[in-house]
Amino acid sequence: MTIQLNPEQEQVIGRAIQAGLIETADDVVEVGVETIKQRLIAHDKLSVPPAKDLVELFASSPFAGLNMDFERDQDTGREVEL
């Protein structure tokens, strides 16, 4: 595989090598692949079809099945002097 770099990309990679941030072209590819993975994960999260109703929304939640307790505090507040 051949990758064509523009002058700015070459300069950035050269600076990264001088700074000791990367050592080889494999490092550049590895960082690029990790970045693409993160973008794909974000894309997949955003491209989830909308829920049809509230029940479906909660059923597809990442918290589904955790048996979390969402009790409401019954405190009615405090009196305010005017």
PDB file of N, CA and C in Angstrom:
ATOM      1  N   MET A   1       0.847  -1.169   0.000  1.00  0.00           N
ATOM      2  CA  MET A   1       0.000   0.000   0.000  1.00  0.00           C
ATOM      3  C   MET A   1       0.893   1.232   0.000  1.00  0.00           C
ATOM      4  N   THR A   2       0.527   2.200  -0.767  1.00  0.00           N
ATOM      5  CA  THR A   2       1.260   3.458  -0.824  1.00  0.00           C
ATOM      6  C   THR A   2       0.364   4.569  -0.293  1.00  0.00           C
ATOM      7  N   ILE A   3       0.898   5.368   0.586  1.00  0.00           N
ATOM      8  CA  ILE A   3       0.147   6.492   1.144  1.00  0.00           C
ATOM      9  C   ILE A   3       0.805   7.772   0.669  1.00  0.00           C
ATOM     10  N   GLN A   4       0.022   8.626   0.028  1.00  0.00           N
ATOM     11  CA  GLN A   4       0.519   9.910  -0.451  1.00  0.00           C
ATOM     12  C   GLN A   4       0.279  10.967   0.628  1.00  0.00           C
ATOM     13  N   LEU A   5       1.334  11.661   1.012  1.00  0.00           N
ATOM     14  CA  LEU A   5       1.230  12.716   2.014  1.00  0.00           C
ATOM     15  C   LEU A   5       1.437  14.061   1.352  1.00  0.00           C
ATOM     16  N   ASN A   6       0.671  15.050   1.810  1.00  0.00           N
ATOM     17  CA  ASN A   6       0.927  16.394   1.314  1.00  0.00           C
ATOM     18  C   ASN A   6       2.045  17.010   2.158  1.00  0.00           C
ATOM     19  N   PRO A   7       2.628  18.117   1.745  1.00  0.00           N
ATOM     20  CA  PRO A   7       3.769  18.703   2.462  1.00  0.00           C
ATOM     21  C   PRO A   7       3.475  19.007   3.938  1.00  0.00           C
ATOM     22  N   GLU A   8       2.287  19.458   4.241  1.00  0.00           N
ATOM     23  CA  GLU A   8       1.947  19.765   5.636  1.00  0.00           C
ATOM     24  C   GLU A   8       1.960  18.493   6.480  1.00  0.00           C
ATOM     25  N   GLN A   9       1.406  17.414   5.941  1.00  0.00           N
ATOM     26  CA  GLN A   9       1.403  16.145   6.667  1.00  0.00           C
ATOM     27  C   GLN A   9       2.828  15.643   6.890  1.00  0.00           C
ATOM     28  N   GLU A  10       3.670  15.770   5.877  1.00  0.00           N
ATOM     29  CA  GLU A  10       5.075  15.366   6.014  1.00  0.00           C
ATOM     30  C   GLU A  10       5.768  16.178   7.102  1.00  0.00           C
ATOM     31  N   GLN A  11       5.479  17.476   7.143  1.00  0.00           N
ATOM     32  CA  GLN A  11       6.085  18.342   8.142  1.00  0.00           C
ATOM     33  C   GLN A  11       5.626  17.943   9.551  1.00  0.00           C
ATOM     34  N   VAL A  12       4.353  17.672   9.710  1.00  0.00           N
ATOM     35  CA  VAL A  12       3.824  17.272  11.021  1.00  0.00           C
ATOM     36  C   VAL A  12       4.476  15.970  11.469  1.00  0.00           C
ATOM     37  N   ILE A  13       4.567  15.013  10.579  1.00  0.00           N
ATOM     38  CA  ILE A  13       5.178  13.720  10.918  1.00  0.00           C
ATOM     39  C   ILE A  13       6.656  13.911  11.258  1.00  0.00           C
ATOM     40  N   GLY A  14       7.358  14.757  10.496  1.00  0.00           N
ATOM     41  CA  GLY A  14       8.762  15.046  10.783  1.00  0.00           C
ATOM     42  C   GLY A  14       8.936  15.656  12.161  1.00  0.00           C
ATOM     43  N   ARG A  15       8.073  16.590  12.519  1.00  0.00           N
ATOM     44  CA  ARG A  15       8.141  17.218  13.841  1.00  0.00           C
ATOM     45  C   ARG A  15       7.849  16.211  14.942  1.00  0.00           C
ATOM     46  N   ALA A  16       6.889  15.313  14.699  1.00  0.00           N
ATOM     47  CA  ALA A  16       6.554  14.292  15.693  1.00  0.00           C
ATOM     48  C   ALA A  16       7.723  13.334  15.912  1.00  0.00           C
ATOM     49  N   ILE A  17       8.431  13.002  14.838  1.00  0.00           N
ATOM     50  CA  ILE A  17       9.609  12.136  14.955  1.00  0.00           C
ATOM     51  C   ILE A  17      10.706  12.849  15.750  1.00  0.00           C
ATOM     52  N   GLN A  18      10.960  14.127  15.425  1.00  0.00           N
ATOM     53  CA  GLN A  18      11.984  14.897  16.140  1.00  0.00           C
ATOM     54  C   GLN A  18      11.647  15.034  17.618  1.00  0.00           C
ATOM     55  N   ALA A  19      10.367  15.159  17.929  1.00  0.00           N
ATOM     56  CA  ALA A  19       9.937  15.321  19.322  1.00  0.00           C
ATOM     57  C   ALA A  19       9.908  13.990  20.068  1.00  0.00           C
ATOM     58  N   GLY A  20      10.106  12.904  19.339  1.00  0.00           N
ATOM     59  CA  GLY A  20      10.099  11.590  19.980  1.00  0.00           C
ATOM     60  C   GLY A  20       8.710  11.039  20.229  1.00  0.00           C
ATOM     61  N   LEU A  21       7.709  11.624  19.596  1.00  0.00           N
ATOM     62  CA  LEU A  21       6.334  11.154  19.778  1.00  0.00           C
ATOM     63  C   LEU A  21       6.053   9.891  18.983  1.00  0.00           C
ATOM     64  N   ILE A  22       6.716   9.746  17.861  1.00  0.00           N
ATOM     65  CA  ILE A  22       6.604   8.545  17.023  1.00  0.00           C
ATOM     66  C   ILE A  22       7.991   8.184  16.523  1.00  0.00           C
ATOM     67  N   GLU A  23       8.136   6.911  16.107  1.00  0.00           N
ATOM     68  CA  GLU A  23       9.444   6.478  15.610  1.00  0.00           C
ATOM     69  C   GLU A  23       9.393   6.015  14.161  1.00  0.00           C
ATOM     70  N   THR A  24       8.273   5.426  13.753  1.00  0.00           N
ATOM     71  CA  THR A  24       8.204   4.835  12.414  1.00  0.00           C
ATOM     72  C   THR A  24       6.877   5.175  11.750  1.00  0.00           C
ATOM     73  N   ALA A  25       6.793   4.836  10.476  1.00  0.00           N
ATOM     74  CA  ALA A  25       5.545   5.017   9.745  1.00  0.00           C
ATOM     75  C   ALA A  25       4.446   4.149  10.340  1.00  0.00           C
ATOM     76  N   ASP A  26       4.825   2.991  10.897  1.00  0.00           N
ATOM     77  CA  ASP A  26       3.835   2.134  11.549  1.00  0.00           C
ATOM     78  C   ASP A  26       3.151   2.866  12.701  1.00  0.00           C
ATOM     79  N   ASP A  27       3.908   3.698  13.417  1.00  0.00           N
ATOM     80  CA  ASP A  27       3.329   4.479  14.515  1.00  0.00           C
ATOM     81  C   ASP A  27       2.269   5.447  13.992  1.00  0.00           C
ATOM     82  N   VAL A  28       2.557   6.059  12.855  1.00  0.00           N
ATOM     83  CA  VAL A  28       1.605   6.995  12.245  1.00  0.00           C
ATOM     84  C   VAL A  28       0.324   6.260  11.882  1.00  0.00           C
ATOM     85  N   VAL A  29       0.473   5.104  11.271  1.00  0.00           N
ATOM     86  CA  VAL A  29      -0.697   4.321  10.871  1.00  0.00           C
ATOM     87  C   VAL A  29      -1.478   3.881  12.108  1.00  0.00           C
ATOM     88  N   GLU A  30      -0.777   3.449  13.143  1.00  0.00           N
ATOM     89  CA  GLU A  30      -1.444   2.994  14.360  1.00  0.00           C
ATOM     90  C   GLU A  30      -2.283   4.106  14.985  1.00  0.00           C
ATOM     91  N   VAL A  31      -1.700   5.306  15.071  1.00  0.00           N
ATOM     92  CA  VAL A  31      -2.443   6.448  15.624  1.00  0.00           C
ATOM     93  C   VAL A  31      -3.650   6.766  14.748  1.00  0.00           C
ATOM     94  N   GLY A  32      -3.459   6.713  13.437  1.00  0.00           N
ATOM     95  CA  GLY A  32      -4.564   6.985  12.523  1.00  0.00           C
ATOM     96  C   GLY A  32      -5.676   5.974  12.653  1.00  0.00           C
ATOM     97  N   VAL A  33      -5.328   4.705  12.776  1.00  0.00           N
ATOM     98  CA  VAL A  33      -6.339   3.653  12.910  1.00  0.00           C
ATOM     99  C   VAL A  33      -7.101   3.822  14.219  1.00  0.00           C
ATOM    100  N   GLU A  34      -6.399   4.147  15.305  1.00  0.00           N
ATOM    101  CA  GLU A  34      -7.080   4.355  16.590  1.00  0.00           C
ATOM    102  C   GLU A  34      -8.044   5.533  16.506  1.00  0.00           C
ATOM    103  N   THR A  35      -7.628   6.592  15.818  1.00  0.00           N
ATOM    104  CA  THR A  35      -8.508   7.747  15.641  1.00  0.00           C
ATOM    105  C   THR A  35      -9.749   7.364  14.848  1.00  0.00           C
ATOM    106  N   ILE A  36      -9.566   6.595  13.800  1.00  0.00           N
ATOM    107  CA  ILE A  36     -10.700   6.151  12.986  1.00  0.00           C
ATOM    108  C   ILE A  36     -11.627   5.259  13.806  1.00  0.00           C
ATOM    109  N   LYS A  37     -11.056   4.380  14.635  1.00  0.00           N
ATOM    110  CA  LYS A  37     -11.889   3.529  15.503  1.00  0.00           C
ATOM    111  C   LYS A  37     -12.780   4.378  16.396  1.00  0.00           C
ATOM    112  N   GLN A  38     -12.186   5.411  17.025  1.00  0.00           N
ATOM    113  CA  GLN A  38     -12.962   6.278  17.913  1.00  0.00           C
ATOM    114  C   GLN A  38     -14.061   7.012  17.149  1.00  0.00           C
ATOM    115  N   ARG A  39     -13.759   7.440  15.938  1.00  0.00           N
ATOM    116  CA  ARG A  39     -14.774   8.110  15.120  1.00  0.00           C
ATOM    117  C   ARG A  39     -15.894   7.149  14.748  1.00  0.00           C
ATOM    118  N   LEU A  40     -15.543   5.896  14.452  1.00  0.00           N
ATOM    119  CA  LEU A  40     -16.560   4.894  14.131  1.00  0.00           C
ATOM    120  C   LEU A  40     -17.446   4.609  15.331  1.00  0.00           C
ATOM    121  N   ILE A  41     -16.841   4.514  16.500  1.00  0.00           N
ATOM    122  CA  ILE A  41     -17.626   4.284  17.719  1.00  0.00           C
ATOM    123  C   ILE A  41     -18.601   5.441  17.929  1.00  0.00           C
ATOM    124  N   ALA A  42     -18.115   6.677  17.788  1.00  0.00           N
ATOM    125  CA  ALA A  42     -18.986   7.842  17.944  1.00  0.00           C
ATOM    126  C   ALA A  42     -20.077   7.842  16.879  1.00  0.00           C
ATOM    127  N   HIS A  43     -19.725   7.500  15.660  1.00  0.00           N
ATOM    128  CA  HIS A  43     -20.701   7.454  14.567  1.00  0.00           C
ATOM    129  C   HIS A  43     -21.770   6.413  14.850  1.00  0.00           C
ATOM    130  N   ASP A  44     -21.358   5.229  15.310  1.00  0.00           N
ATOM    131  CA  ASP A  44     -22.317   4.168  15.603  1.00  0.00           C
ATOM    132  C   ASP A  44     -23.267   4.573  16.716  1.00  0.00           C
ATOM    133  N   LYS A  45     -22.748   5.283  17.715  1.00  0.00           N
ATOM    134  CA  LYS A  45     -23.601   5.736  18.815  1.00  0.00           C
ATOM    135  C   LYS A  45     -24.617   6.759  18.323  1.00  0.00           C
ATOM    136  N   LEU A  46     -24.193   7.614  17.396  1.00  0.00           N
ATOM    137  CA  LEU A  46     -25.083   8.649  16.892  1.00  0.00           C
ATOM    138  C   LEU A  46     -26.081   8.124  15.869  1.00  0.00           C
ATOM    139  N   SER A  47     -25.742   7.004  15.228  1.00  0.00           N
ATOM    140  CA  SER A  47     -26.610   6.517  14.167  1.00  0.00           C
ATOM    141  C   SER A  47     -27.588   5.448  14.649  1.00  0.00           C
ATOM    142  N   VAL A  48     -27.793   5.366  15.972  1.00  0.00           N
ATOM    143  CA  VAL A  48     -28.784   4.435  16.509  1.00  0.00           C
ATOM    144  C   VAL A  48     -30.164   4.972  16.147  1.00  0.00           C
ATOM    145  N   PRO A  49     -31.027   4.122  15.583  1.00  0.00           N
ATOM    146  CA  PRO A  49     -32.354   4.614  15.215  1.00  0.00           C
ATOM    147  C   PRO A  49     -33.118   5.076  16.453  1.00  0.00           C
ATOM    148  N   PRO A  50     -33.910   6.126  16.315  1.00  0.00           N
ATOM    149  CA  PRO A  50     -34.640   6.646  17.469  1.00  0.00           C
ATOM    150  C   PRO A  50     -35.650   5.626  17.995  1.00  0.00           C
ATOM    151  N   ALA A  51     -35.860   5.653  19.299  1.00  0.00           N
ATOM    152  CA  ALA A  51     -36.832   4.748  19.921  1.00  0.00           C
ATOM    153  C   ALA A  51     -38.243   5.141  19.517  1.00  0.00           C
ATOM    154  N   LYS A  52     -39.106   4.149  19.397  1.00  0.00           N
ATOM    155  CA  LYS A  52     -40.500   4.407  19.022  1.00  0.00           C
ATOM    156  C   LYS A  52     -41.289   4.978  20.184  1.00  0.00           C
ATOM    157  N   ASP A  53     -40.948   4.558  21.391  1.00  0.00           N
ATOM    158  CA  ASP A  53     -41.653   5.051  22.569  1.00  0.00           C
ATOM    159  C   ASP A  53     -40.709   5.041  23.763  1.00  0.00           C
ATOM    160  N   LEU A  54     -41.183   5.518  24.902  1.00  0.00           N
ATOM    161  CA  LEU A  54     -40.357   5.635  26.097  1.00  0.00           C
ATOM    162  C   LEU A  54     -39.892   4.269  26.604  1.00  0.00           C
ATOM    163  N   VAL A  55     -40.739   3.270  26.524  1.00  0.00           N
ATOM    164  CA  VAL A  55     -40.382   1.922  26.973  1.00  0.00           C
ATOM    165  C   VAL A  55     -39.214   1.391  26.150  1.00  0.00           C
ATOM    166  N   GLU A  56     -39.267   1.564  24.841  1.00  0.00           N
ATOM    167  CA  GLU A  56     -38.178   1.102  23.968  1.00  0.00           C
ATOM    168  C   GLU A  56     -36.895   1.881  24.250  1.00  0.00           C
ATOM    169  N   LEU A  57     -37.027   3.166  24.536  1.00  0.00           N
ATOM    170  CA  LEU A  57     -35.864   3.987  24.857  1.00  0.00           C
ATOM    171  C   LEU A  57     -35.158   3.445  26.097  1.00  0.00           C
ATOM    172  N   PHE A  58     -35.916   3.179  27.156  1.00  0.00           N
ATOM    173  CA  PHE A  58     -35.312   2.667  28.379  1.00  0.00           C
ATOM    174  C   PHE A  58     -34.786   1.247  28.194  1.00  0.00           C
ATOM    175  N   ALA A  59     -35.460   0.437  27.390  1.00  0.00           N
ATOM    176  CA  ALA A  59     -35.027  -0.942  27.164  1.00  0.00           C
ATOM    177  C   ALA A  59     -33.702  -0.984  26.405  1.00  0.00           C
ATOM    178  N   SER A  60     -33.442  -0.002  25.538  1.00  0.00           N
ATOM    179  CA  SER A  60     -32.209   0.007  24.755  1.00  0.00           C
ATOM    180  C   SER A  60     -31.112   0.847  25.408  1.00  0.00           C
ATOM    181  N   SER A  61     -31.370   1.343  26.595  1.00  0.00           N
ATOM    182  CA  SER A  61     -30.407   2.165  27.314  1.00  0.00           C
ATOM    183  C   SER A  61     -29.202   1.340  27.745  1.00  0.00           C
ATOM    184  N   PRO A  62     -28.021   1.958  27.817  1.00  0.00           N
ATOM    185  CA  PRO A  62     -26.846   1.235  28.330  1.00  0.00           C
ATOM    186  C   PRO A  62     -27.024   0.806  29.786  1.00  0.00           C
ATOM    187  N   PHE A  63     -27.981   1.420  30.482  1.00  0.00           N
ATOM    188  CA  PHE A  63     -28.234   1.091  31.878  1.00  0.00           C
ATOM    189  C   PHE A  63     -29.295   0.017  32.052  1.00  0.00           C
ATOM    190  N   ALA A  64     -29.826  -0.493  30.945  1.00  0.00           N
ATOM    191  CA  ALA A  64     -30.864  -1.525  31.019  1.00  0.00           C
ATOM    192  C   ALA A  64     -30.320  -2.752  31.736  1.00  0.00           C
ATOM    193  N   GLY A  65     -31.122  -3.300  32.623  1.00  0.00           N
ATOM    194  CA  GLY A  65     -30.742  -4.513  33.335  1.00  0.00           C
ATOM    195  C   GLY A  65     -29.887  -4.279  34.559  1.00  0.00           C
ATOM    196  N   LEU A  66     -29.578  -3.026  34.893  1.00  0.00           N
ATOM    197  CA  LEU A  66     -28.743  -2.756  36.061  1.00  0.00           C
ATOM    198  C   LEU A  66     -29.557  -2.642  37.344  1.00  0.00           C
ATOM    199  N   ASN A  67     -30.878  -2.689  37.219  1.00  0.00           N
ATOM    200  CA  ASN A  67     -31.776  -2.597  38.379  1.00  0.00           C
ATOM    201  C   ASN A  67     -31.455  -1.385  39.242  1.00  0.00           C
ATOM    202  N   MET A  68     -31.338  -0.238  38.612  1.00  0.00           N
ATOM    203  CA  MET A  68     -31.041   0.994  39.326  1.00  0.00           C
ATOM    204  C   MET A  68     -32.314   1.509  39.988  1.00  0.00           C
ATOM    205  N   ASP A  69     -32.158   2.066  41.179  1.00  0.00           N
ATOM    206  CA  ASP A  69     -33.293   2.585  41.936  1.00  0.00           C
ATOM    207  C   ASP A  69     -33.400   4.084  41.692  1.00  0.00           C
ATOM    208  N   PHE A  70     -34.535   4.513  41.159  1.00  0.00           N
ATOM    209  CA  PHE A  70     -34.746   5.922  40.854  1.00  0.00           C
ATOM    210  C   PHE A  70     -35.856   6.505  41.715  1.00  0.00           C
ATOM    211  N   GLU A  71     -35.823   6.220  43.022  1.00  0.00           N
ATOM    212  CA  GLU A  71     -36.854   6.760  43.902  1.00  0.00           C
ATOM    213  C   GLU A  71     -36.711   8.264  44.006  1.00  0.00           C
ATOM    214  N   ARG A  72     -37.847   8.911  44.120  1.00  0.00           N
ATOM    215  CA  ARG A  72     -37.858  10.356  44.247  1.00  0.00           C
ATOM    216  C   ARG A  72     -37.875  10.727  45.714  1.00  0.00           C
ATOM    217  N   ASP A  73     -37.083  11.721  46.059  1.00  0.00           N
ATOM    218  CA  ASP A  73     -37.067  12.211  47.426  1.00  0.00           C
ATOM    219  C   ASP A  73     -38.425  12.827  47.729  1.00  0.00           C
ATOM    220  N   GLN A  74     -39.020  12.434  48.820  1.00  0.00           N
ATOM    221  CA  GLN A  74     -40.359  12.916  49.170  1.00  0.00           C
ATOM    222  C   GLN A  74     -40.320  14.244  49.928  1.00  0.00           C
ATOM    223  N   ASP A  75     -39.156  14.830  50.086  1.00  0.00           N
ATOM    224  CA  ASP A  75     -39.013  16.106  50.774  1.00  0.00           C
ATOM    225  C   ASP A  75     -39.815  17.159  50.027  1.00  0.00           C
ATOM    226  N   THR A  76     -40.619  17.901  50.756  1.00  0.00           N
ATOM    227  CA  THR A  76     -41.457  18.928  50.119  1.00  0.00           C
ATOM    228  C   THR A  76     -40.772  20.277  50.101  1.00  0.00           C
ATOM    229  N   GLY A  77     -39.532  20.324  50.555  1.00  0.00           N
ATOM    230  CA  GLY A  77     -38.804  21.594  50.544  1.00  0.00           C
ATOM    231  C   GLY A  77     -38.802  22.250  51.914  1.00  0.00           C
ATOM    232  N   ARG A  78     -38.525  23.513  51.933  1.00  0.00           N
ATOM    233  CA  ARG A  78     -38.486  24.235  53.200  1.00  0.00           C
ATOM    234  C   ARG A  78     -39.336  25.483  53.080  1.00  0.00           C
ATOM    235  N   GLU A  79     -39.737  25.981  54.221  1.00  0.00           N
ATOM    236  CA  GLU A  79     -40.551  27.203  54.225  1.00  0.00           C
ATOM    237  C   GLU A  79     -39.666  28.402  53.948  1.00  0.00           C
ATOM    238  N   VAL A  80     -40.191  29.340  53.222  1.00  0.00           N
ATOM    239  CA  VAL A  80     -39.445  30.551  52.898  1.00  0.00           C
ATOM    240  C   VAL A  80     -40.171  31.737  53.504  1.00  0.00           C
ATOM    241  N   GLU A  81     -39.452  32.522  54.275  1.00  0.00           N
ATOM    242  CA  GLU A  81     -40.061  33.729  54.863  1.00  0.00           C
ATOM    243  C   GLU A  81     -39.993  34.854  53.848  1.00  0.00           C
ATOM    244  N   LEU A  82     -41.107  35.516  53.644  1.00  0.00           N
ATOM    245  CA  LEU A  82     -41.152  36.631  52.698  1.00  0.00           C
ATOM    246  C   LEU A  82     -41.183  37.950  53.406  1.00  0.00           C
TER     247      LEU A  82
END
